[in-house]
Amino acid sequence: MNAESADRRRGLVLLNTGDGKGKSSSAIGMVFRAAGWNMRVCVIQFIKGKWKTGEERAAAKFDNVEWHALGDGFTWDTQNPEQDRATTRQIWEFAQEKIASDAYDLVLLDEIIYCVGYGWLTGEEIAEFVRQSKPERLHLLLTGRNAPQSLIDLADTATEMGLLKHAYEQGIKAAKGIEF
């Protein structure tokens, strides 16, 4: 993508929510699609933590994809909600800097909506920041369950993924290359 076409582009706000599997997977697909078009991409993960994933390994092969897995891990297992809140606030500040920098064509805030559900961020504060500070040409992608109406209203495209069936319900553990 050349700078001229990026300057004329209206960046989209995209939202993947719902109880079904595939919110982050779909978003990662968009990340690699954008990277394939030589767009500059920044991925910021709010929950996943430090364990390695196939998508992070694949992203390392691209010079135009910056990957930040910054969360403390799966917060539903937390023993320290104050630390989780503080970590989320630090990640949100980092994300705001990355978004406002105008250095990217696409920014993914993976699992940020979970942080809203836990009360560590609000949908309104995210929406307000995006309306006021997102560069016009930037595509912004948000993922996580139970998106508040403020973020659905903000989005140009909002997708709700529904759960029909999941292997985990049958006692099948997360599969390498499928879930991570």
Protein backbone atom coordinates (compact mmCIF):
# COMPACT_ATOMS: atom_id res chain seq x y z
CA MET A 1 0.00 0.00 0.00
CA ASN A 2 1.45 3.37 -0.89
CA ALA A 3 1.25 6.42 1.34
CA GLU A 4 -1.06 8.28 -1.03
CA SER A 5 -3.79 5.65 -0.89
CA ALA A 6 -3.40 5.32 2.90
CA ASP A 7 -3.80 9.09 3.29
CA ARG A 8 -7.10 8.98 1.40
CA ARG A 9 -8.41 5.92 3.22
CA ARG A 10 -11.12 6.14 5.87
CA GLY A 11 -10.06 3.74 8.58
CA LEU A 12 -12.68 1.35 9.88
CA VAL A 13 -13.50 0.36 13.44
CA LEU A 14 -14.24 -3.37 13.54
CA LEU A 15 -15.59 -5.33 16.48
CA ASN A 16 -15.65 -9.11 17.04
CA THR A 17 -17.76 -10.16 20.01
CA GLY A 18 -20.02 -12.98 21.17
CA ASP A 19 -19.80 -16.28 23.03
CA GLY A 20 -18.50 -18.29 20.09
CA LYS A 21 -14.93 -19.25 19.27
CA GLY A 22 -13.14 -17.28 16.59
CA LYS A 23 -13.11 -13.64 17.66
CA SER A 24 -9.34 -13.42 17.95
CA SER A 25 -8.78 -15.96 15.17
CA SER A 26 -10.78 -13.82 12.76
CA ALA A 27 -8.91 -10.73 13.87
CA ILE A 28 -5.55 -12.46 13.37
CA GLY A 29 -6.69 -13.36 9.88
CA MET A 30 -7.20 -9.65 9.20
CA VAL A 31 -3.77 -8.92 10.69
CA PHE A 32 -2.10 -11.28 8.24
CA ARG A 33 -4.24 -10.05 5.34
CA ALA A 34 -3.13 -6.47 6.07
CA ALA A 35 0.49 -7.58 6.50
CA GLY A 36 0.30 -9.31 3.13
CA TRP A 37 -0.59 -5.94 1.60
CA ASN A 38 2.51 -4.40 3.26
CA MET A 39 0.42 -2.49 5.75
CA ARG A 40 1.98 -1.64 9.11
CA VAL A 41 0.25 -3.62 11.84
CA CYS A 42 0.34 -3.49 15.63
CA VAL A 43 -1.20 -6.27 17.74
CA ILE A 44 -1.79 -5.60 21.43
CA GLN A 45 -3.12 -8.51 23.49
CA PHE A 46 -4.76 -7.57 26.77
CA ILE A 47 -5.25 -11.03 28.32
CA LYS A 48 -3.18 -13.80 26.72
CA GLY A 49 0.03 -13.23 28.64
CA LYS A 50 3.50 -14.52 27.97
CA TRP A 51 2.87 -18.02 26.62
CA LYS A 52 3.81 -18.50 22.98
CA THR A 53 1.21 -18.92 20.27
CA GLY A 54 1.38 -19.98 16.65
CA GLU A 55 0.10 -16.60 15.52
CA GLU A 56 2.84 -14.77 17.40
CA ARG A 57 5.43 -17.10 15.89
CA ALA A 58 4.03 -16.45 12.41
CA ALA A 59 3.92 -12.69 12.98
CA ALA A 60 7.64 -12.72 13.81
CA LYS A 61 8.26 -13.62 10.15
CA PHE A 62 6.84 -10.26 9.04
CA ASP A 63 8.86 -7.05 9.32
CA ASN A 64 5.66 -5.00 9.24
CA VAL A 65 3.88 -6.67 12.21
CA GLU A 66 4.61 -5.56 15.76
CA TRP A 67 3.30 -7.97 18.44
CA HIS A 68 2.72 -7.18 22.12
CA ALA A 69 1.31 -9.91 24.41
CA LEU A 70 1.07 -7.82 27.56
CA GLY A 71 -1.57 -9.33 29.81
CA ASP A 72 -1.03 -11.36 32.97
CA GLY A 73 -2.69 -14.43 31.49
CA PHE A 74 -6.20 -15.76 31.84
CA THR A 75 -7.71 -13.36 34.32
CA TRP A 76 -10.61 -15.59 35.29
CA ASP A 77 -8.00 -17.56 37.28
CA THR A 78 -6.68 -14.43 38.96
CA GLN A 79 -5.66 -14.25 42.56
CA ASN A 80 -4.94 -10.51 42.37
CA PRO A 81 -7.67 -8.40 40.74
CA GLU A 82 -5.96 -5.14 41.73
CA GLN A 83 -2.87 -6.20 39.79
CA ASP A 84 -5.04 -7.18 36.81
CA ARG A 85 -6.72 -3.76 36.89
CA ALA A 86 -3.34 -1.99 37.06
CA THR A 87 -1.92 -4.13 34.25
CA THR A 88 -4.95 -3.40 32.09
CA ARG A 89 -4.59 0.33 32.71
CA GLN A 90 -0.91 0.17 31.70
CA ILE A 91 -1.76 -1.75 28.53
CA TRP A 92 -4.54 0.72 27.71
CA GLU A 93 -2.11 3.65 28.06
CA PHE A 94 0.37 1.82 25.81
CA ALA A 95 -2.42 1.12 23.28
CA GLN A 96 -3.47 4.77 23.26
CA GLU A 97 0.12 5.80 22.48
CA LYS A 98 0.37 3.28 19.64
CA ILE A 99 -2.97 4.33 18.16
CA ALA A 100 -2.30 8.07 18.42
CA SER A 101 1.21 7.69 16.95
CA ASP A 102 -0.23 7.35 13.43
CA ALA A 103 2.55 4.82 12.73
CA TYR A 104 0.22 1.94 11.76
CA ASP A 105 -2.40 1.06 9.19
CA LEU A 106 -4.12 -1.49 11.45
CA VAL A 107 -4.12 -1.87 15.23
CA LEU A 108 -5.69 -4.91 16.91
CA LEU A 109 -6.72 -4.58 20.56
CA ASP A 110 -7.21 -8.27 21.20
CA GLU A 111 -9.48 -9.17 24.14
CA ILE A 112 -9.85 -5.56 25.29
CA ILE A 113 -13.60 -6.08 25.66
CA TYR A 114 -13.03 -8.67 28.39
CA CYS A 115 -11.41 -5.86 30.37
CA VAL A 116 -14.63 -3.86 30.03
CA GLY A 117 -16.60 -6.83 31.34
CA TYR A 118 -14.35 -7.02 34.40
CA GLY A 119 -14.83 -3.29 35.03
CA TRP A 120 -11.18 -2.38 34.45
CA LEU A 121 -12.03 -0.14 31.48
CA THR A 122 -15.32 1.25 30.26
CA GLY A 123 -16.76 1.07 26.80
CA GLU A 124 -17.42 4.79 26.97
CA GLU A 125 -13.78 5.69 27.68
CA ILE A 126 -12.60 3.49 24.81
CA ALA A 127 -15.19 4.95 22.44
CA GLU A 128 -14.37 8.52 23.49
CA PHE A 129 -10.64 7.99 22.91
CA VAL A 130 -11.27 6.41 19.49
CA ARG A 131 -13.58 9.25 18.41
CA GLN A 132 -11.12 11.91 19.55
CA SER A 133 -7.69 10.40 18.88
CA LYS A 134 -7.77 7.61 16.28
CA PRO A 135 -6.09 8.77 13.08
CA GLU A 136 -8.68 8.93 10.31
CA ARG A 137 -6.87 6.41 8.09
CA LEU A 138 -6.24 3.83 10.85
CA HIS A 139 -8.19 0.57 10.89
CA LEU A 140 -8.90 -0.44 14.50
CA LEU A 141 -10.05 -3.91 15.49
CA LEU A 142 -11.44 -4.78 18.97
CA THR A 143 -12.21 -8.28 20.26
CA GLY A 144 -13.82 -9.89 23.29
CA ARG A 145 -17.12 -11.17 24.67
CA ASN A 146 -20.07 -9.05 25.72
CA ALA A 147 -19.29 -5.82 23.90
CA PRO A 148 -21.17 -2.89 25.43
CA GLN A 149 -23.56 -0.93 23.25
CA SER A 150 -21.17 2.05 23.22
CA LEU A 151 -18.58 -0.02 21.32
CA ILE A 152 -21.15 -1.64 19.03
CA ASP A 153 -22.40 1.85 18.14
CA LEU A 154 -18.84 3.05 17.53
CA ALA A 155 -17.98 0.19 15.17
CA ASP A 156 -18.39 0.40 11.42
CA THR A 157 -18.62 -3.39 11.37
CA ALA A 158 -19.68 -5.41 14.42
CA THR A 159 -19.79 -9.20 14.30
CA GLU A 160 -21.30 -11.41 16.96
CA MET A 161 -19.96 -14.95 16.95
CA GLY A 162 -22.33 -17.48 18.40
CA LEU A 163 -21.43 -20.73 20.10
CA LEU A 164 -23.07 -23.83 18.70
CA LYS A 165 -20.66 -26.38 20.14
CA HIS A 166 -17.10 -26.38 21.49
CA ALA A 167 -14.63 -29.23 21.90
CA TYR A 168 -13.77 -28.03 25.43
CA GLU A 169 -17.32 -28.91 26.53
CA GLN A 170 -16.49 -32.52 25.59
CA GLY A 171 -13.33 -32.53 27.67
CA ILE A 172 -11.00 -31.90 24.73
CA LYS A 173 -8.10 -29.61 25.62
CA ALA A 174 -6.93 -26.69 23.50
CA ALA A 175 -5.21 -27.94 20.35
CA LYS A 176 -1.87 -26.54 19.16
CA GLY A 177 -2.37 -24.81 15.82
CA ILE A 178 -6.11 -24.50 16.42
CA GLU A 179 -6.54 -22.55 19.65
CA PHE A 180 -2.96 -21.33 20.10
